[in-house]
Amino acid sequence: MNTDFLEKLKSLEIPTCLRVCCGTDGSVTFLLEIMTRQPVEVRTESQHIVRADREMATLLGVEEGSEINDRKVRLYAGGTVFVHARSLSPLERMPGTM
């Protein structure tokens, strides 16, 4: 794990359960359902295809200009928003069926 990321995560003044959600490489939705004991609803705020700029390309390990699915969602449990997330997914890594 990236040491800088871990140190930053440990320094956040937020409840432990939220630090766990920030640091997981698993399903945040599943973790929220366990913590809240309620079903979690994922609401897509926006989703569109963008071209990777230099920063995105470096972060994702793709060529600059590659097509990226840029998606923003909110995760709700019991009417409360627990997560506002953004995902960047290179289209070239997605299965053809998606």
Protein backbone atom coordinates (compact mmCIF):
# COMPACT_ATOMS: atom_id res chain seq x y z
CA MET A 1 0.00 0.00 0.00
CA ASN A 2 1.14 3.55 -0.72
CA THR A 3 2.66 4.87 2.54
CA ASP A 4 1.68 8.49 1.82
CA PHE A 5 -1.94 7.45 1.26
CA LEU A 6 -1.97 5.42 4.46
CA GLU A 7 -0.52 8.26 6.53
CA LYS A 8 -3.01 10.75 5.08
CA LEU A 9 -5.87 8.34 5.74
CA LYS A 10 -4.75 7.82 9.34
CA SER A 11 -4.57 11.59 9.90
CA LEU A 12 -8.18 12.30 8.86
CA GLU A 13 -10.37 13.44 11.75
CA ILE A 14 -13.36 11.32 10.76
CA PRO A 15 -15.02 8.31 12.39
CA THR A 16 -13.11 5.04 12.03
CA CYS A 17 -15.85 3.45 9.94
CA LEU A 18 -15.45 6.24 7.34
CA ARG A 19 -11.66 5.79 7.30
CA VAL A 20 -12.29 2.09 6.59
CA CYS A 21 -14.58 3.01 3.66
CA CYS A 22 -11.99 5.44 2.28
CA GLY A 23 -9.22 2.88 2.45
CA THR A 24 -10.93 -0.28 1.28
CA ASP A 25 -10.15 -1.92 -2.02
CA GLY A 26 -13.41 -3.85 -1.71
CA SER A 27 -17.06 -2.87 -1.98
CA VAL A 28 -17.93 0.32 -0.10
CA THR A 29 -21.61 -0.43 -0.73
CA PHE A 30 -21.27 -3.76 1.06
CA LEU A 31 -19.42 -2.15 4.00
CA LEU A 32 -22.11 0.53 4.35
CA GLU A 33 -24.83 -2.11 4.40
CA ILE A 34 -23.02 -3.91 7.21
CA MET A 35 -22.48 -0.69 9.19
CA THR A 36 -25.95 0.79 8.71
CA ARG A 37 -27.89 -2.51 8.67
CA GLN A 38 -29.91 -1.07 5.79
CA PRO A 39 -29.94 -1.52 2.03
CA VAL A 40 -27.72 0.98 0.24
CA GLU A 41 -29.03 2.83 -2.80
CA VAL A 42 -26.56 3.99 -5.44
CA ARG A 43 -27.73 7.10 -7.29
CA THR A 44 -25.76 8.20 -10.33
CA GLU A 45 -25.34 11.98 -10.35
CA SER A 46 -23.52 12.12 -13.70
CA GLN A 47 -21.79 9.83 -16.14
CA HIS A 48 -20.02 10.71 -19.36
CA ILE A 49 -17.02 9.82 -21.49
CA VAL A 50 -14.03 12.17 -21.31
CA ARG A 51 -10.56 12.16 -22.85
CA ALA A 52 -7.74 11.52 -20.37
CA ASP A 53 -5.62 14.56 -19.68
CA ARG A 54 -2.02 14.13 -18.56
CA GLU A 55 -2.94 13.75 -14.87
CA MET A 56 -5.66 11.17 -15.54
CA ALA A 57 -3.45 9.24 -17.96
CA THR A 58 -0.66 9.02 -15.38
CA LEU A 59 -3.05 8.05 -12.58
CA LEU A 60 -4.74 5.34 -14.66
CA GLY A 61 -1.71 4.13 -16.60
CA VAL A 62 -3.20 4.87 -20.03
CA GLU A 63 -2.27 7.05 -22.98
CA GLU A 64 -3.20 10.71 -22.85
CA GLY A 65 -6.41 11.16 -24.87
CA SER A 66 -7.76 7.70 -23.99
CA GLU A 67 -11.51 7.48 -23.46
CA ILE A 68 -12.44 7.43 -19.77
CA ASN A 69 -15.84 6.77 -18.20
CA ASP A 70 -16.21 9.57 -15.60
CA ARG A 71 -18.99 8.70 -13.13
CA LYS A 72 -20.17 10.44 -9.97
CA VAL A 73 -22.49 8.67 -7.53
CA ARG A 74 -23.95 9.07 -4.06
CA LEU A 75 -24.55 6.14 -1.73
CA TYR A 76 -27.63 6.44 0.48
CA ALA A 77 -28.74 4.32 3.44
CA GLY A 78 -31.94 5.16 5.27
CA GLY A 79 -32.23 8.47 3.41
CA THR A 80 -28.76 9.64 4.50
CA VAL A 81 -25.94 10.24 2.04
CA PHE A 82 -22.84 8.43 3.29
CA VAL A 83 -20.60 8.61 0.23
CA HIS A 84 -20.14 10.94 -2.71
CA ALA A 85 -17.77 9.15 -5.08
CA ARG A 86 -16.17 9.65 -8.46
CA SER A 87 -14.83 6.79 -10.54
CA LEU A 88 -12.61 7.03 -13.59
CA SER A 89 -12.60 3.86 -15.70
CA PRO A 90 -10.62 3.50 -18.92
CA LEU A 91 -12.93 2.14 -21.63
CA GLU A 92 -10.09 0.07 -23.08
CA ARG A 93 -10.12 -2.07 -19.91
CA MET A 94 -13.86 -2.70 -19.88
CA PRO A 95 -15.27 -5.93 -21.29
CA GLY A 96 -16.94 -5.51 -24.68
CA THR A 97 -20.31 -6.41 -23.11
CA MET A 98 -20.33 -3.25 -21.01
